[in-house]
Amino acid sequence: MTDRSVLFVLFDGVQSLDVTGPLEVLAAAGYRIRTASPGGLAVRTSSGLRLMPDEDLADAAPPHTLLVPGGPGTREPAAELVGRIAELAADAEKVASVCTGAFLLAEAGLLAGRRATTHWAHCEALARRFPDVTVDPDPIHVRDGRVTTSAGVTAGIDLALALVEEELGRELALSIAQHLVMFLRRPGGQAQFSTQLAAQLAVRRPLRDVQRWITDHPDADLSVEALARRASLSPRQFARVFTAETGTTPGRYVDGVRLEVARRRLEDSDDGIEQVARRSGYRNPEAMRRAFARTLAVSPVDYRRRFRTAS
C-alpha cells in the first residue's frame, strides 16, 4: 500500500475518544492523518474539548480511508455534512465509522444493503431509522465490503488496530496495543461486553446484595430458587422484580457474570482451562467453551492465546 492517508471527519458534538483513540493507533503505525470540519472551523466535542481541524471538509482530498466518528452531533446532521461524506466516500478505498458515526454513513447511503453495527444502546434506533441496513448489535466491529462500522467509543481503537493488522501486519498491531497498555486487541467478531453486563443496579437493597453475591460467588448455586432465598422472596416474585429492576433475567445476568469472570481468569491467571471453568461456575470446560463460542465467537483456549500474545 503506497497511500496510507486517513481523513477524520470532525463536527460539533463529536465524541473526542472516537477521534483520538483510533488516531493514536494509526499515527503510531505511520499513517498520514488529516482532520477536517465544515468550514475548517474548530469544533466542540461532547465533553467540551475544542478540536482544531487541519482543513475545510469541502476542500479535503479523498483519502485512502475515510473515518467518521460518532457523538451527539450525529443526531441531526447538516445536509452539507452528510453530502460531503458521501462524496469523499465515493473515492476512498475504505470507509469506517466509530460508534454512532454509523448514523452518518447510513444517512449518506453508504450502509444500504450492508451489515453494520454501532454502540449496543443505539442499535435498535439505527435499525428502526434505516430498515435497509442489517444491524448486528453484538460484534465489536463489522466489515462489509469496503465499509467497516464499529461499536461504542473504545471499539474504535479495536477497529484501528484491525486496520493496521490487515495492512501492515499482526506484529505491528500487537506492538501498538502493548504500547497503549491494551491487554488485548479484541477480534471484530467478539461480542460487545456491554451487551452482557448492561444490567442496571437494582433499586432494592436485597436485590443489590444478590447482584454482589453473584459477582463474588460465580461458582455457587445461582439458581433462581437459591437467589430468591437470599432476597427473602418467592422464586416467582424474585424473577419478576429482578428483571424489572435490572433489565435482564436472573439467568442471563448469571451467564454474563460467569463469562466475565472466566474471561478475566483467562487473562490474569495461570489456571488451567478446567480450573477456570470450575471457578467461574461452569459445569465443565465444554459448557464454558459453548458460552465463549456463543457470545464471544472464540474458544477459551484461543481467547487466552490472543491475550498472552499481546501481553
C-alpha atoms as a PDB file:
ATOM      1  CA  MET A   1       0.000   0.000   0.000  1.00  0.00           C
ATOM      2  CA  THR A   2       1.540   3.320  -1.066  1.00  0.00           C
ATOM      3  CA  ASP A   3      -1.169   5.683   0.218  1.00  0.00           C
ATOM      4  CA  ARG A   4      -1.714   5.479   3.951  1.00  0.00           C
ATOM      5  CA  SER A   5      -3.816   8.600   4.395  1.00  0.00           C
ATOM      6  CA  VAL A   6      -6.735   8.717   6.804  1.00  0.00           C
ATOM      7  CA  LEU A   7      -9.195  11.585   6.954  1.00  0.00           C
ATOM      8  CA  PHE A   8     -11.110  12.084  10.211  1.00  0.00           C
ATOM      9  CA  VAL A   9     -14.383  13.970   9.827  1.00  0.00           C
ATOM     10  CA  LEU A  10     -14.952  16.448  12.663  1.00  0.00           C
ATOM     11  CA  PHE A  11     -18.169  18.225  13.622  1.00  0.00           C
ATOM     12  CA  ASP A  12     -19.707  19.907  16.657  1.00  0.00           C
ATOM     13  CA  GLY A  13     -20.815  17.333  19.216  1.00  0.00           C
ATOM     14  CA  VAL A  14     -18.285  14.710  18.130  1.00  0.00           C
ATOM     15  CA  GLN A  15     -17.148  12.229  20.793  1.00  0.00           C
ATOM     16  CA  SER A  16     -13.498  13.077  21.414  1.00  0.00           C
ATOM     17  CA  LEU A  17     -12.390   9.494  22.136  1.00  0.00           C
ATOM     18  CA  ASP A  18     -13.948   8.351  18.859  1.00  0.00           C
ATOM     19  CA  VAL A  19     -11.371  10.597  17.217  1.00  0.00           C
ATOM     20  CA  THR A  20      -8.325  10.410  19.467  1.00  0.00           C
ATOM     21  CA  GLY A  21      -8.472   6.651  20.145  1.00  0.00           C
ATOM     22  CA  PRO A  22      -8.184   5.484  16.511  1.00  0.00           C
ATOM     23  CA  LEU A  23      -5.961   8.463  15.680  1.00  0.00           C
ATOM     24  CA  GLU A  24      -3.324   7.443  18.241  1.00  0.00           C
ATOM     25  CA  VAL A  25      -3.242   3.899  16.854  1.00  0.00           C
ATOM     26  CA  LEU A  26      -2.983   4.958  13.219  1.00  0.00           C
ATOM     27  CA  ALA A  27      -0.430   7.680  13.912  1.00  0.00           C
ATOM     28  CA  ALA A  28       1.744   5.157  15.767  1.00  0.00           C
ATOM     29  CA  ALA A  29       1.585   2.909  12.698  1.00  0.00           C
ATOM     30  CA  GLY A  30       2.785   5.697  10.428  1.00  0.00           C
ATOM     31  CA  TYR A  31      -0.448   6.630   8.695  1.00  0.00           C
ATOM     32  CA  ARG A  32      -0.748  10.159   7.338  1.00  0.00           C
ATOM     33  CA  ILE A  33      -3.514  11.694   9.437  1.00  0.00           C
ATOM     34  CA  ARG A  34      -5.710  14.613   8.419  1.00  0.00           C
ATOM     35  CA  THR A  35      -8.715  16.122  10.159  1.00  0.00           C
ATOM     36  CA  ALA A  36     -11.366  18.267   8.523  1.00  0.00           C
ATOM     37  CA  SER A  37     -14.541  20.018   9.602  1.00  0.00           C
ATOM     38  CA  PRO A  38     -17.245  22.048   7.853  1.00  0.00           C
ATOM     39  CA  GLY A  39     -15.681  25.415   7.061  1.00  0.00           C
ATOM     40  CA  GLY A  40     -12.403  24.314   8.619  1.00  0.00           C
ATOM     41  CA  LEU A  41     -13.669  25.704  11.923  1.00  0.00           C
ATOM     42  CA  ALA A  42     -12.782  24.481  15.405  1.00  0.00           C
ATOM     43  CA  VAL A  43     -15.371  22.060  16.786  1.00  0.00           C
ATOM     44  CA  ARG A  44     -16.504  21.481  20.338  1.00  0.00           C
ATOM     45  CA  THR A  45     -16.690  17.825  21.363  1.00  0.00           C
ATOM     46  CA  SER A  46     -19.432  16.314  23.503  1.00  0.00           C
ATOM     47  CA  SER A  47     -17.183  16.735  26.562  1.00  0.00           C
ATOM     48  CA  GLY A  48     -16.464  20.393  25.810  1.00  0.00           C
ATOM     49  CA  LEU A  49     -12.974  19.833  24.413  1.00  0.00           C
ATOM     50  CA  ARG A  50     -12.203  22.029  21.395  1.00  0.00           C
ATOM     51  CA  LEU A  51     -10.506  20.450  18.392  1.00  0.00           C
ATOM     52  CA  MET A  52      -8.879  22.460  15.614  1.00  0.00           C
ATOM     53  CA  PRO A  53      -9.009  20.650  12.259  1.00  0.00           C
ATOM     54  CA  ASP A  54      -6.312  20.708   9.610  1.00  0.00           C
ATOM     55  CA  GLU A  55      -8.578  21.820   6.792  1.00  0.00           C
ATOM     56  CA  ASP A  56     -12.015  22.618   5.463  1.00  0.00           C
ATOM     57  CA  LEU A  57     -14.008  19.463   4.763  1.00  0.00           C
ATOM     58  CA  ALA A  58     -15.144  20.992   1.458  1.00  0.00           C
ATOM     59  CA  ASP A  59     -11.535  21.217   0.263  1.00  0.00           C
ATOM     60  CA  ALA A  60     -10.331  17.859   1.582  1.00  0.00           C
ATOM     61  CA  ALA A  61      -8.932  15.441  -0.985  1.00  0.00           C
ATOM     62  CA  PRO A  62     -10.350  11.890  -0.970  1.00  0.00           C
ATOM     63  CA  PRO A  63      -8.257   9.775   1.414  1.00  0.00           C
ATOM     64  CA  HIS A  64      -7.337   6.126   1.323  1.00  0.00           C
ATOM     65  CA  THR A  65      -9.524   5.656   4.417  1.00  0.00           C
ATOM     66  CA  LEU A  66     -12.376   7.922   5.464  1.00  0.00           C
ATOM     67  CA  LEU A  67     -13.115   7.678   9.186  1.00  0.00           C
ATOM     68  CA  VAL A  68     -16.355   9.065  10.616  1.00  0.00           C
ATOM     69  CA  PRO A  69     -16.606   9.266  14.422  1.00  0.00           C
ATOM     70  CA  GLY A  70     -19.789   9.419  16.442  1.00  0.00           C
ATOM     71  CA  GLY A  71     -21.231  11.551  19.202  1.00  0.00           C
ATOM     72  CA  PRO A  72     -24.373  13.609  19.889  1.00  0.00           C
ATOM     73  CA  GLY A  73     -23.617  15.659  16.776  1.00  0.00           C
ATOM     74  CA  THR A  74     -24.790  12.750  14.615  1.00  0.00           C
ATOM     75  CA  ARG A  75     -28.403  13.079  15.773  1.00  0.00           C
ATOM     76  CA  GLU A  76     -29.441  15.886  13.428  1.00  0.00           C
ATOM     77  CA  PRO A  77     -26.567  16.297  10.976  1.00  0.00           C
ATOM     78  CA  ALA A  78     -26.493  19.088   8.433  1.00  0.00           C
ATOM     79  CA  ALA A  79     -27.265  18.016   4.890  1.00  0.00           C
ATOM     80  CA  GLU A  80     -23.962  19.530   3.740  1.00  0.00           C
ATOM     81  CA  LEU A  81     -22.008  17.313   6.142  1.00  0.00           C
ATOM     82  CA  VAL A  82     -23.801  14.157   5.027  1.00  0.00           C
ATOM     83  CA  GLY A  83     -23.424  15.075   1.374  1.00  0.00           C
ATOM     84  CA  ARG A  84     -19.700  15.708   1.697  1.00  0.00           C
ATOM     85  CA  ILE A  85     -19.198  12.390   3.496  1.00  0.00           C
ATOM     86  CA  ALA A  86     -20.920  10.666   0.582  1.00  0.00           C
ATOM     87  CA  GLU A  87     -18.676  12.479  -1.934  1.00  0.00           C
ATOM     88  CA  LEU A  88     -15.447  11.647  -0.128  1.00  0.00           C
ATOM     89  CA  ALA A  89     -16.513   8.056   0.450  1.00  0.00           C
ATOM     90  CA  ALA A  90     -17.124   7.571  -3.259  1.00  0.00           C
ATOM     91  CA  ASP A  91     -13.411   7.960  -3.959  1.00  0.00           C
ATOM     92  CA  ALA A  92     -12.000   6.425  -0.783  1.00  0.00           C
ATOM     93  CA  GLU A  93     -10.751   2.853  -0.808  1.00  0.00           C
ATOM     94  CA  LYS A  94     -12.083   2.225   2.694  1.00  0.00           C
ATOM     95  CA  VAL A  95     -14.754   3.842   4.843  1.00  0.00           C
ATOM     96  CA  ALA A  96     -15.130   3.342   8.583  1.00  0.00           C
ATOM     97  CA  SER A  97     -17.265   4.656  11.416  1.00  0.00           C
ATOM     98  CA  VAL A  98     -16.947   4.617  15.181  1.00  0.00           C
ATOM     99  CA  CYS A  99     -19.994   4.315  17.435  1.00  0.00           C
ATOM    100  CA  THR A 100     -22.902   6.488  16.193  1.00  0.00           C
ATOM    101  CA  GLY A 101     -20.851   7.605  13.228  1.00  0.00           C
ATOM    102  CA  ALA A 102     -22.742   4.724  11.601  1.00  0.00           C
ATOM    103  CA  PHE A 103     -25.780   7.016  11.504  1.00  0.00           C
ATOM    104  CA  LEU A 104     -23.880   9.470   9.304  1.00  0.00           C
ATOM    105  CA  LEU A 105     -22.783   6.668   6.975  1.00  0.00           C
ATOM    106  CA  ALA A 106     -26.379   5.461   6.784  1.00  0.00           C
ATOM    107  CA  GLU A 107     -27.646   8.981   6.095  1.00  0.00           C
ATOM    108  CA  ALA A 108     -25.117   9.180   3.266  1.00  0.00           C
ATOM    109  CA  GLY A 109     -26.491   5.949   1.784  1.00  0.00           C
ATOM    110  CA  LEU A 110     -23.278   4.033   2.467  1.00  0.00           C
ATOM    111  CA  LEU A 111     -24.848   1.281   4.590  1.00  0.00           C
ATOM    112  CA  ALA A 112     -27.826   0.445   2.379  1.00  0.00           C
ATOM    113  CA  GLY A 113     -27.967  -3.319   1.913  1.00  0.00           C
ATOM    114  CA  ARG A 114     -24.991  -3.812   4.197  1.00  0.00           C
ATOM    115  CA  ARG A 115     -24.452  -5.412   7.602  1.00  0.00           C
ATOM    116  CA  ALA A 116     -23.371  -2.910  10.239  1.00  0.00           C
ATOM    117  CA  THR A 117     -23.075  -2.262  13.958  1.00  0.00           C
ATOM    118  CA  THR A 118     -22.899   0.648  16.381  1.00  0.00           C
ATOM    119  CA  HIS A 119     -22.935   1.133  20.147  1.00  0.00           C
ATOM    120  CA  TRP A 120     -25.253  -1.519  21.611  1.00  0.00           C
ATOM    121  CA  ALA A 121     -27.507   1.169  23.115  1.00  0.00           C
ATOM    122  CA  HIS A 122     -28.170   2.691  19.669  1.00  0.00           C
ATOM    123  CA  CYS A 123     -28.545  -0.441  17.532  1.00  0.00           C
ATOM    124  CA  GLU A 124     -32.325  -0.533  17.797  1.00  0.00           C
ATOM    125  CA  ALA A 125     -32.588   3.108  16.729  1.00  0.00           C
ATOM    126  CA  LEU A 126     -30.252   2.531  13.772  1.00  0.00           C
ATOM    127  CA  ALA A 127     -32.287  -0.458  12.606  1.00  0.00           C
ATOM    128  CA  ARG A 128     -35.571   1.395  13.013  1.00  0.00           C
ATOM    129  CA  ARG A 129     -34.389   4.524  11.238  1.00  0.00           C
ATOM    130  CA  PHE A 130     -32.643   2.706   8.396  1.00  0.00           C
ATOM    131  CA  PRO A 131     -34.557  -0.523   7.642  1.00  0.00           C
ATOM    132  CA  ASP A 132     -32.349  -1.208   4.614  1.00  0.00           C
ATOM    133  CA  VAL A 133     -29.387  -1.777   6.962  1.00  0.00           C
ATOM    134  CA  THR A 134     -28.857  -5.158   8.647  1.00  0.00           C
ATOM    135  CA  VAL A 135     -27.868  -4.100  12.156  1.00  0.00           C
ATOM    136  CA  ASP A 136     -25.924  -6.604  14.266  1.00  0.00           C
ATOM    137  CA  PRO A 137     -25.801  -5.424  17.904  1.00  0.00           C
ATOM    138  CA  ASP A 138     -23.171  -7.893  19.086  1.00  0.00           C
ATOM    139  CA  PRO A 139     -19.785  -7.530  17.319  1.00  0.00           C
ATOM    140  CA  ILE A 140     -17.022  -5.097  18.233  1.00  0.00           C
ATOM    141  CA  HIS A 141     -16.800  -4.168  14.556  1.00  0.00           C
ATOM    142  CA  VAL A 142     -18.317  -5.380  11.300  1.00  0.00           C
ATOM    143  CA  ARG A 143     -16.778  -5.220   7.848  1.00  0.00           C
ATOM    144  CA  ASP A 144     -18.997  -5.442   4.785  1.00  0.00           C
ATOM    145  CA  GLY A 145     -17.052  -4.862   1.601  1.00  0.00           C
ATOM    146  CA  ARG A 146     -15.039  -1.677   1.897  1.00  0.00           C
ATOM    147  CA  VAL A 147     -17.170  -0.318   4.748  1.00  0.00           C
ATOM    148  CA  THR A 148     -16.437  -1.081   8.404  1.00  0.00           C
ATOM    149  CA  THR A 149     -18.581   0.022  11.331  1.00  0.00           C
ATOM    150  CA  SER A 150     -17.652  -0.342  14.979  1.00  0.00           C
ATOM    151  CA  ALA A 151     -19.297  -0.362  18.371  1.00  0.00           C
ATOM    152  CA  GLY A 152     -19.111   2.288  21.073  1.00  0.00           C
ATOM    153  CA  VAL A 153     -16.189   4.582  21.817  1.00  0.00           C
ATOM    154  CA  THR A 154     -13.195   2.342  22.690  1.00  0.00           C
ATOM    155  CA  ALA A 155     -14.192  -0.113  19.946  1.00  0.00           C
ATOM    156  CA  GLY A 156     -12.763   2.484  17.561  1.00  0.00           C
ATOM    157  CA  ILE A 157      -9.325   1.526  18.875  1.00  0.00           C
ATOM    158  CA  ASP A 158     -10.029  -2.122  18.045  1.00  0.00           C
ATOM    159  CA  LEU A 159     -11.162  -1.066  14.573  1.00  0.00           C
ATOM    160  CA  ALA A 160      -7.950   0.908  14.011  1.00  0.00           C
ATOM    161  CA  LEU A 161      -5.809  -1.991  15.242  1.00  0.00           C
ATOM    162  CA  ALA A 162      -7.648  -4.321  12.859  1.00  0.00           C
ATOM    163  CA  LEU A 163      -6.865  -1.927  10.007  1.00  0.00           C
ATOM    164  CA  VAL A 164      -3.187  -1.857  10.981  1.00  0.00           C
ATOM    165  CA  GLU A 165      -3.068  -5.655  11.215  1.00  0.00           C
ATOM    166  CA  GLU A 166      -4.708  -6.068   7.812  1.00  0.00           C
ATOM    167  CA  GLU A 167      -2.458  -3.599   6.022  1.00  0.00           C
ATOM    168  CA  LEU A 168       0.810  -3.689   7.962  1.00  0.00           C
ATOM    169  CA  GLY A 169       0.821  -6.989   9.835  1.00  0.00           C
ATOM    170  CA  ARG A 170      -0.161  -8.567  13.125  1.00  0.00           C
ATOM    171  CA  GLU A 171       3.128  -7.920  14.899  1.00  0.00           C
ATOM    172  CA  LEU A 172       2.863  -4.153  14.464  1.00  0.00           C
ATOM    173  CA  ALA A 173      -0.761  -4.165  15.619  1.00  0.00           C
ATOM    174  CA  LEU A 174       0.147  -6.136  18.743  1.00  0.00           C
ATOM    175  CA  SER A 175       3.125  -3.888  19.421  1.00  0.00           C
ATOM    176  CA  ILE A 176       0.925  -0.796  19.281  1.00  0.00           C
ATOM    177  CA  ALA A 177      -1.679  -2.443  21.515  1.00  0.00           C
ATOM    178  CA  GLN A 178       1.023  -3.198  24.072  1.00  0.00           C
ATOM    179  CA  HIS A 179       2.362   0.363  23.868  1.00  0.00           C
ATOM    180  CA  LEU A 180      -1.127   1.705  24.558  1.00  0.00           C
ATOM    181  CA  VAL A 181      -1.379  -0.693  27.549  1.00  0.00           C
ATOM    182  CA  MET A 182      -4.225  -2.538  25.881  1.00  0.00           C
ATOM    183  CA  PHE A 183      -4.166  -6.057  27.287  1.00  0.00           C
ATOM    184  CA  LEU A 184      -5.935  -7.495  24.290  1.00  0.00           C
ATOM    185  CA  ARG A 185      -6.828  -6.489  20.773  1.00  0.00           C
ATOM    186  CA  ARG A 186     -10.370  -7.752  20.666  1.00  0.00           C
ATOM    187  CA  PRO A 187     -11.326  -9.620  17.471  1.00  0.00           C
ATOM    188  CA  GLY A 188     -14.076  -7.962  15.470  1.00  0.00           C
ATOM    189  CA  GLY A 189     -16.466 -10.871  15.854  1.00  0.00           C
ATOM    190  CA  GLN A 190     -16.233 -10.739  19.613  1.00  0.00           C
ATOM    191  CA  ALA A 191     -19.384  -9.557  21.330  1.00  0.00           C
ATOM    192  CA  GLN A 192     -19.669  -6.131  22.850  1.00  0.00           C
ATOM    193  CA  PHE A 193     -19.143  -6.912  26.557  1.00  0.00           C
ATOM    194  CA  SER A 194     -21.667  -4.217  27.394  1.00  0.00           C
ATOM    195  CA  THR A 195     -24.454  -6.328  25.954  1.00  0.00           C
ATOM    196  CA  GLN A 196     -23.664  -8.976  28.577  1.00  0.00           C
ATOM    197  CA  LEU A 197     -23.135  -6.607  31.510  1.00  0.00           C
ATOM    198  CA  ALA A 198     -25.662  -3.913  30.619  1.00  0.00           C
ATOM    199  CA  ALA A 199     -27.884  -4.765  33.562  1.00  0.00           C
ATOM    200  CA  GLN A 200     -28.565  -1.862  35.865  1.00  0.00           C
ATOM    201  CA  LEU A 201     -28.007  -1.855  39.605  1.00  0.00           C
ATOM    202  CA  ALA A 202     -31.250  -2.857  41.274  1.00  0.00           C
ATOM    203  CA  VAL A 203     -33.169  -0.297  43.321  1.00  0.00           C
ATOM    204  CA  ARG A 204     -33.992  -2.607  46.225  1.00  0.00           C
ATOM    205  CA  ARG A 205     -31.202  -3.299  48.703  1.00  0.00           C
ATOM    206  CA  PRO A 206     -31.827  -7.076  48.866  1.00  0.00           C
ATOM    207  CA  LEU A 207     -31.546  -7.334  45.083  1.00  0.00           C
ATOM    208  CA  ARG A 208     -28.353  -5.284  45.039  1.00  0.00           C
ATOM    209  CA  ASP A 209     -26.938  -7.622  47.666  1.00  0.00           C
ATOM    210  CA  VAL A 210     -27.842 -10.572  45.443  1.00  0.00           C
ATOM    211  CA  GLN A 211     -26.067  -8.935  42.499  1.00  0.00           C
ATOM    212  CA  ARG A 212     -22.916  -8.546  44.586  1.00  0.00           C
ATOM    213  CA  TRP A 213     -23.218 -12.156  45.792  1.00  0.00           C
ATOM    214  CA  ILE A 214     -23.398 -13.405  42.212  1.00  0.00           C
ATOM    215  CA  THR A 215     -20.258 -11.468  41.295  1.00  0.00           C
ATOM    216  CA  ASP A 216     -18.343 -12.686  44.355  1.00  0.00           C
ATOM    217  CA  HIS A 217     -19.516 -16.316  44.146  1.00  0.00           C
ATOM    218  CA  PRO A 218     -19.884 -17.293  40.467  1.00  0.00           C
ATOM    219  CA  ASP A 219     -19.255 -20.959  41.335  1.00  0.00           C
ATOM    220  CA  ALA A 220     -22.081 -21.123  43.903  1.00  0.00           C
ATOM    221  CA  ASP A 221     -25.650 -22.350  43.380  1.00  0.00           C
ATOM    222  CA  LEU A 222     -27.070 -19.402  41.437  1.00  0.00           C
ATOM    223  CA  SER A 223     -30.416 -20.906  40.535  1.00  0.00           C
ATOM    224  CA  VAL A 224     -33.486 -18.667  40.800  1.00  0.00           C
ATOM    225  CA  GLU A 225     -34.595 -20.633  43.842  1.00  0.00           C
ATOM    226  CA  ALA A 226     -31.281 -20.127  45.654  1.00  0.00           C
ATOM    227  CA  LEU A 227     -31.088 -16.438  44.782  1.00  0.00           C
ATOM    228  CA  ALA A 228     -34.704 -15.900  45.780  1.00  0.00           C
ATOM    229  CA  ARG A 229     -33.966 -17.306  49.234  1.00  0.00           C
ATOM    230  CA  ARG A 230     -31.151 -14.797  49.632  1.00  0.00           C
ATOM    231  CA  ALA A 231     -33.540 -11.975  48.763  1.00  0.00           C
ATOM    232  CA  SER A 232     -36.278 -13.402  51.032  1.00  0.00           C
ATOM    233  CA  LEU A 233     -38.673 -13.591  48.091  1.00  0.00           C
ATOM    234  CA  SER A 234     -40.529 -16.368  46.358  1.00  0.00           C
ATOM    235  CA  PRO A 235     -38.837 -17.584  43.152  1.00  0.00           C
ATOM    236  CA  ARG A 236     -41.642 -16.152  41.036  1.00  0.00           C
ATOM    237  CA  GLN A 237     -41.583 -12.771  42.743  1.00  0.00           C
ATOM    238  CA  PHE A 238     -37.786 -12.643  42.690  1.00  0.00           C
ATOM    239  CA  ALA A 239     -37.611 -13.347  38.946  1.00  0.00           C
ATOM    240  CA  ARG A 240     -40.228 -10.687  38.262  1.00  0.00           C
ATOM    241  CA  VAL A 241     -38.725  -7.865  40.329  1.00  0.00           C
ATOM    242  CA  PHE A 242     -35.109  -8.715  39.385  1.00  0.00           C
ATOM    243  CA  THR A 243     -35.983  -8.467  35.681  1.00  0.00           C
ATOM    244  CA  ALA A 244     -37.952  -5.260  36.207  1.00  0.00           C
ATOM    245  CA  GLU A 245     -35.173  -3.536  38.133  1.00  0.00           C
ATOM    246  CA  THR A 246     -32.097  -4.734  36.234  1.00  0.00           C
ATOM    247  CA  GLY A 247     -33.477  -5.031  32.729  1.00  0.00           C
ATOM    248  CA  THR A 248     -32.434  -8.655  32.356  1.00  0.00           C
ATOM    249  CA  THR A 249     -33.497 -12.029  33.714  1.00  0.00           C
ATOM    250  CA  PRO A 250     -31.620 -13.667  36.612  1.00  0.00           C
ATOM    251  CA  GLY A 251     -30.391 -16.425  34.303  1.00  0.00           C
ATOM    252  CA  ARG A 252     -28.962 -14.036  31.727  1.00  0.00           C
ATOM    253  CA  TYR A 253     -27.376 -11.945  34.447  1.00  0.00           C
ATOM    254  CA  VAL A 254     -25.663 -15.003  35.913  1.00  0.00           C
ATOM    255  CA  ASP A 255     -24.497 -16.093  32.442  1.00  0.00           C
ATOM    256  CA  GLY A 256     -22.963 -12.672  31.831  1.00  0.00           C
ATOM    257  CA  VAL A 257     -21.167 -12.570  35.178  1.00  0.00           C
ATOM    258  CA  ARG A 258     -19.758 -16.078  34.773  1.00  0.00           C
ATOM    259  CA  LEU A 259     -18.495 -15.265  31.300  1.00  0.00           C
ATOM    260  CA  GLU A 260     -16.842 -12.096  32.564  1.00  0.00           C
ATOM    261  CA  VAL A 261     -15.215 -13.946  35.470  1.00  0.00           C
ATOM    262  CA  ALA A 262     -13.903 -16.646  33.125  1.00  0.00           C
ATOM    263  CA  ARG A 263     -12.601 -14.052  30.689  1.00  0.00           C
ATOM    264  CA  ARG A 264     -10.661 -12.245  33.405  1.00  0.00           C
ATOM    265  CA  ARG A 265      -9.256 -15.505  34.815  1.00  0.00           C
ATOM    266  CA  LEU A 266      -8.023 -16.455  31.366  1.00  0.00           C
ATOM    267  CA  GLU A 267      -6.347 -13.052  31.101  1.00  0.00           C
ATOM    268  CA  ASP A 268      -4.898 -12.719  34.591  1.00  0.00           C
ATOM    269  CA  SER A 269      -4.182 -16.226  35.928  1.00  0.00           C
ATOM    270  CA  ASP A 270      -2.236 -19.320  35.007  1.00  0.00           C
ATOM    271  CA  ASP A 271      -5.124 -21.624  35.939  1.00  0.00           C
ATOM    272  CA  GLY A 272      -5.818 -24.460  33.543  1.00  0.00           C
ATOM    273  CA  ILE A 273      -8.962 -24.382  31.420  1.00  0.00           C
ATOM    274  CA  GLU A 274     -10.708 -26.937  33.645  1.00  0.00           C
ATOM    275  CA  GLN A 275      -9.882 -24.934  36.764  1.00  0.00           C
ATOM    276  CA  VAL A 276     -11.045 -21.677  35.157  1.00  0.00           C
ATOM    277  CA  ALA A 277     -14.322 -23.325  34.176  1.00  0.00           C
ATOM    278  CA  ARG A 278     -14.916 -24.686  37.663  1.00  0.00           C
ATOM    279  CA  ARG A 279     -14.068 -21.437  39.461  1.00  0.00           C
ATOM    280  CA  SER A 280     -16.245 -19.460  37.060  1.00  0.00           C
ATOM    281  CA  GLY A 281     -19.268 -21.612  37.782  1.00  0.00           C
ATOM    282  CA  TYR A 282     -19.414 -23.771  34.655  1.00  0.00           C
ATOM    283  CA  ARG A 283     -20.295 -27.447  34.998  1.00  0.00           C
ATOM    284  CA  ASN A 284     -17.326 -28.437  32.848  1.00  0.00           C
ATOM    285  CA  PRO A 285     -14.908 -26.978  30.252  1.00  0.00           C
ATOM    286  CA  GLU A 286     -17.289 -27.873  27.428  1.00  0.00           C
ATOM    287  CA  ALA A 287     -20.032 -25.708  28.950  1.00  0.00           C
ATOM    288  CA  MET A 288     -17.574 -22.816  29.144  1.00  0.00           C
ATOM    289  CA  ARG A 289     -16.438 -23.423  25.576  1.00  0.00           C
ATOM    290  CA  ARG A 290     -20.028 -23.248  24.332  1.00  0.00           C
ATOM    291  CA  ALA A 291     -20.605 -19.998  26.241  1.00  0.00           C
ATOM    292  CA  PHE A 292     -17.472 -18.430  24.751  1.00  0.00           C
ATOM    293  CA  ALA A 293     -18.336 -19.596  21.230  1.00  0.00           C
ATOM    294  CA  ARG A 294     -21.907 -18.359  21.517  1.00  0.00           C
ATOM    295  CA  THR A 295     -21.119 -14.944  22.964  1.00  0.00           C
ATOM    296  CA  LEU A 296     -17.531 -14.074  22.040  1.00  0.00           C
ATOM    297  CA  ALA A 297     -17.156 -16.104  18.835  1.00  0.00           C
ATOM    298  CA  VAL A 298     -13.871 -17.537  20.117  1.00  0.00           C
ATOM    299  CA  SER A 299     -12.843 -20.547  22.222  1.00  0.00           C
ATOM    300  CA  PRO A 300     -11.385 -20.103  25.744  1.00  0.00           C
ATOM    301  CA  VAL A 301      -8.066 -21.509  24.521  1.00  0.00           C
ATOM    302  CA  ASP A 302      -7.896 -19.073  21.610  1.00  0.00           C
ATOM    303  CA  TYR A 303      -9.000 -16.218  23.864  1.00  0.00           C
ATOM    304  CA  ARG A 304      -6.096 -16.898  26.221  1.00  0.00           C
ATOM    305  CA  ARG A 305      -3.691 -17.296  23.306  1.00  0.00           C
ATOM    306  CA  ARG A 306      -4.651 -13.875  21.975  1.00  0.00           C
ATOM    307  CA  PHE A 307      -4.175 -12.333  25.399  1.00  0.00           C
ATOM    308  CA  ARG A 308      -0.834 -13.982  26.036  1.00  0.00           C
ATOM    309  CA  THR A 309       0.437 -12.948  22.612  1.00  0.00           C
ATOM    310  CA  ALA A 310      -0.432  -9.320  23.238  1.00  0.00           C
ATOM    311  CA  SER A 311       0.868  -9.180  26.772  1.00  0.00           C
END
